[in-house]
Amino acid sequence: AGISDLSDAAYVLHPVSASLRLAHEPQRGLLQTIFEVAREDILELTLVRSQVKHLRRSQAKRGLEYMRLYRLMVPESEEQSLYQDAQRNLAEYGALYERHLCAERGISVDGG
């Protein structure tokens, strides 16, 4: 019973274990990461200190670029006003979404 080819299966459940091991060797200036899935090494990454420093600098630059782009979308002067009435906005959105669902399903809703 059963099939051996699961390529057409919509849902497949199977137990999988995953682990991430980190090792730091300060004397040698190494950082090692091993990602293991189902007891098989999928990824092993070893970085020297200079590479870690470079990654941190890159991450900081990306953070600055993110903030620059965020400020293009949300000016600092308007940011506080966006979050002041969060509860009211959430309730209003919920009501609008509920009306949308009712209209989508052809359910009439009294305005009262």
C-alpha atoms as a PDB file:
ATOM      1  CA  ALA A   1       0.000   0.000   0.000  1.00  0.00           C
ATOM      2  CA  GLY A   2       1.124   3.567  -0.602  1.00  0.00           C
ATOM      3  CA  ILE A   3       3.166   5.208  -3.288  1.00  0.00           C
ATOM      4  CA  SER A   4       6.881   5.760  -3.707  1.00  0.00           C
ATOM      5  CA  ASP A   5       6.662   8.969  -5.770  1.00  0.00           C
ATOM      6  CA  LEU A   6       5.422  11.972  -3.780  1.00  0.00           C
ATOM      7  CA  SER A   7       6.013  14.626  -6.455  1.00  0.00           C
ATOM      8  CA  ASP A   8       2.261  15.064  -7.046  1.00  0.00           C
ATOM      9  CA  ALA A   9       1.303  15.013  -3.369  1.00  0.00           C
ATOM     10  CA  ALA A  10      -0.311  18.201  -2.112  1.00  0.00           C
ATOM     11  CA  TYR A  11       0.861  17.743   1.483  1.00  0.00           C
ATOM     12  CA  VAL A  12       3.671  15.581   2.764  1.00  0.00           C
ATOM     13  CA  LEU A  13       4.439  15.277   6.456  1.00  0.00           C
ATOM     14  CA  HIS A  14       7.626  13.719   7.674  1.00  0.00           C
ATOM     15  CA  PRO A  15       9.780  14.167  10.740  1.00  0.00           C
ATOM     16  CA  VAL A  16      12.835  16.313  10.201  1.00  0.00           C
ATOM     17  CA  SER A  17      15.404  17.355  12.717  1.00  0.00           C
ATOM     18  CA  ALA A  18      17.510  20.427  12.170  1.00  0.00           C
ATOM     19  CA  SER A  19      20.366  21.824  14.187  1.00  0.00           C
ATOM     20  CA  LEU A  20      22.714  24.740  13.990  1.00  0.00           C
ATOM     21  CA  ARG A  21      26.097  24.438  15.634  1.00  0.00           C
ATOM     22  CA  LEU A  22      28.335  27.424  16.246  1.00  0.00           C
ATOM     23  CA  ALA A  23      31.976  27.300  17.253  1.00  0.00           C
ATOM     24  CA  HIS A  24      34.202  30.265  18.074  1.00  0.00           C
ATOM     25  CA  GLU A  25      37.978  29.941  18.308  1.00  0.00           C
ATOM     26  CA  PRO A  26      39.265  33.348  19.468  1.00  0.00           C
ATOM     27  CA  GLN A  27      42.952  32.321  19.423  1.00  0.00           C
ATOM     28  CA  ARG A  28      42.759  31.394  15.733  1.00  0.00           C
ATOM     29  CA  GLY A  29      40.218  34.123  14.899  1.00  0.00           C
ATOM     30  CA  LEU A  30      37.703  31.624  13.512  1.00  0.00           C
ATOM     31  CA  LEU A  31      33.941  31.411  13.618  1.00  0.00           C
ATOM     32  CA  GLN A  32      32.422  28.170  12.360  1.00  0.00           C
ATOM     33  CA  THR A  33      28.768  27.444  11.630  1.00  0.00           C
ATOM     34  CA  ILE A  34      27.387  24.039  10.729  1.00  0.00           C
ATOM     35  CA  PHE A  35      23.757  23.620   9.662  1.00  0.00           C
ATOM     36  CA  GLU A  36      22.538  20.038   9.835  1.00  0.00           C
ATOM     37  CA  VAL A  37      19.213  18.640   8.598  1.00  0.00           C
ATOM     38  CA  ALA A  38      18.185  15.045   9.264  1.00  0.00           C
ATOM     39  CA  ARG A  39      21.683  14.267  10.558  1.00  0.00           C
ATOM     40  CA  GLU A  40      23.335  15.372   7.307  1.00  0.00           C
ATOM     41  CA  ASP A  41      25.592  18.424   7.083  1.00  0.00           C
ATOM     42  CA  ILE A  42      23.874  20.785   4.669  1.00  0.00           C
ATOM     43  CA  LEU A  43      26.089  23.810   5.136  1.00  0.00           C
ATOM     44  CA  GLU A  44      29.418  24.330   6.811  1.00  0.00           C
ATOM     45  CA  LEU A  45      30.732  27.858   6.951  1.00  0.00           C
ATOM     46  CA  THR A  46      34.046  28.923   8.449  1.00  0.00           C
ATOM     47  CA  LEU A  47      34.901  32.603   8.697  1.00  0.00           C
ATOM     48  CA  VAL A  48      38.106  34.309   9.728  1.00  0.00           C
ATOM     49  CA  ARG A  49      38.033  37.447  11.875  1.00  0.00           C
ATOM     50  CA  SER A  50      38.461  39.831   8.924  1.00  0.00           C
ATOM     51  CA  GLN A  51      35.450  38.277   7.180  1.00  0.00           C
ATOM     52  CA  VAL A  52      33.320  38.692  10.299  1.00  0.00           C
ATOM     53  CA  LYS A  53      34.365  42.354  10.521  1.00  0.00           C
ATOM     54  CA  HIS A  54      33.494  42.840   6.859  1.00  0.00           C
ATOM     55  CA  LEU A  55      30.059  41.226   7.384  1.00  0.00           C
ATOM     56  CA  ARG A  56      29.382  43.525  10.333  1.00  0.00           C
ATOM     57  CA  ARG A  57      30.333  46.600   8.288  1.00  0.00           C
ATOM     58  CA  SER A  58      28.081  45.427   5.448  1.00  0.00           C
ATOM     59  CA  GLN A  59      25.239  44.854   7.886  1.00  0.00           C
ATOM     60  CA  ALA A  60      25.644  48.364   9.287  1.00  0.00           C
ATOM     61  CA  LYS A  61      25.594  49.842   5.775  1.00  0.00           C
ATOM     62  CA  ARG A  62      22.438  47.887   4.946  1.00  0.00           C
ATOM     63  CA  GLY A  63      20.843  49.201   8.126  1.00  0.00           C
ATOM     64  CA  LEU A  64      21.620  52.775   7.103  1.00  0.00           C
ATOM     65  CA  GLU A  65      20.273  52.165   3.600  1.00  0.00           C
ATOM     66  CA  TYR A  66      17.117  50.616   5.091  1.00  0.00           C
ATOM     67  CA  MET A  67      16.539  53.689   7.246  1.00  0.00           C
ATOM     68  CA  ARG A  68      17.126  56.014   4.273  1.00  0.00           C
ATOM     69  CA  LEU A  69      14.548  54.130   2.190  1.00  0.00           C
ATOM     70  CA  TYR A  70      12.145  53.893   5.147  1.00  0.00           C
ATOM     71  CA  ARG A  71      12.334  57.673   5.577  1.00  0.00           C
ATOM     72  CA  LEU A  72      11.433  58.092   1.901  1.00  0.00           C
ATOM     73  CA  MET A  73       8.222  56.154   2.574  1.00  0.00           C
ATOM     74  CA  VAL A  74       7.490  57.439   6.087  1.00  0.00           C
ATOM     75  CA  PRO A  75       8.760  60.938   6.901  1.00  0.00           C
ATOM     76  CA  GLU A  76       9.873  61.304  10.514  1.00  0.00           C
ATOM     77  CA  SER A  77       7.406  64.155  11.037  1.00  0.00           C
ATOM     78  CA  GLU A  78       4.483  61.838  10.200  1.00  0.00           C
ATOM     79  CA  GLU A  79       5.689  58.655  11.886  1.00  0.00           C
ATOM     80  CA  GLN A  80       4.209  59.412  15.327  1.00  0.00           C
ATOM     81  CA  SER A  81       0.787  60.253  13.924  1.00  0.00           C
ATOM     82  CA  LEU A  82       0.694  56.887  12.170  1.00  0.00           C
ATOM     83  CA  TYR A  83       0.946  55.010  15.463  1.00  0.00           C
ATOM     84  CA  GLN A  84      -1.121  57.294  17.731  1.00  0.00           C
ATOM     85  CA  ASP A  85      -4.494  55.874  16.791  1.00  0.00           C
ATOM     86  CA  ALA A  86      -3.406  52.289  16.190  1.00  0.00           C
ATOM     87  CA  GLN A  87      -6.383  50.776  18.042  1.00  0.00           C
ATOM     88  CA  ARG A  88      -8.881  52.918  16.158  1.00  0.00           C
ATOM     89  CA  ASN A  89      -7.207  52.074  12.851  1.00  0.00           C
ATOM     90  CA  LEU A  90      -7.175  48.373  13.722  1.00  0.00           C
ATOM     91  CA  ALA A  91     -10.892  48.408  14.566  1.00  0.00           C
ATOM     92  CA  GLU A  92     -11.690  50.332  11.376  1.00  0.00           C
ATOM     93  CA  TYR A  93      -9.654  47.915   9.264  1.00  0.00           C
ATOM     94  CA  GLY A  94     -11.374  44.954  10.936  1.00  0.00           C
ATOM     95  CA  ALA A  95     -14.806  46.373  10.135  1.00  0.00           C
ATOM     96  CA  LEU A  96     -13.823  47.069   6.514  1.00  0.00           C
ATOM     97  CA  TYR A  97     -12.425  43.558   6.111  1.00  0.00           C
ATOM     98  CA  GLU A  98     -15.556  42.039   7.630  1.00  0.00           C
ATOM     99  CA  ARG A  99     -17.713  43.994   5.170  1.00  0.00           C
ATOM    100  CA  HIS A 100     -15.475  42.844   2.312  1.00  0.00           C
ATOM    101  CA  LEU A 101     -15.847  39.194   3.346  1.00  0.00           C
ATOM    102  CA  CYS A 102     -19.613  39.525   3.641  1.00  0.00           C
ATOM    103  CA  ALA A 103     -19.861  41.169   0.216  1.00  0.00           C
ATOM    104  CA  GLU A 104     -17.607  38.505  -1.269  1.00  0.00           C
ATOM    105  CA  ARG A 105     -19.891  35.752   0.081  1.00  0.00           C
ATOM    106  CA  GLY A 106     -23.092  37.568  -0.862  1.00  0.00           C
ATOM    107  CA  ILE A 107     -24.175  38.151   2.739  1.00  0.00           C
ATOM    108  CA  SER A 108     -26.122  41.340   3.307  1.00  0.00           C
ATOM    109  CA  VAL A 109     -25.208  43.377   6.390  1.00  0.00           C
ATOM    110  CA  ASP A 110     -27.504  45.935   8.024  1.00  0.00           C
ATOM    111  CA  GLY A 111     -25.933  49.350   8.422  1.00  0.00           C
ATOM    112  CA  GLY A 112     -27.131  49.632  12.050  1.00  0.00           C
END
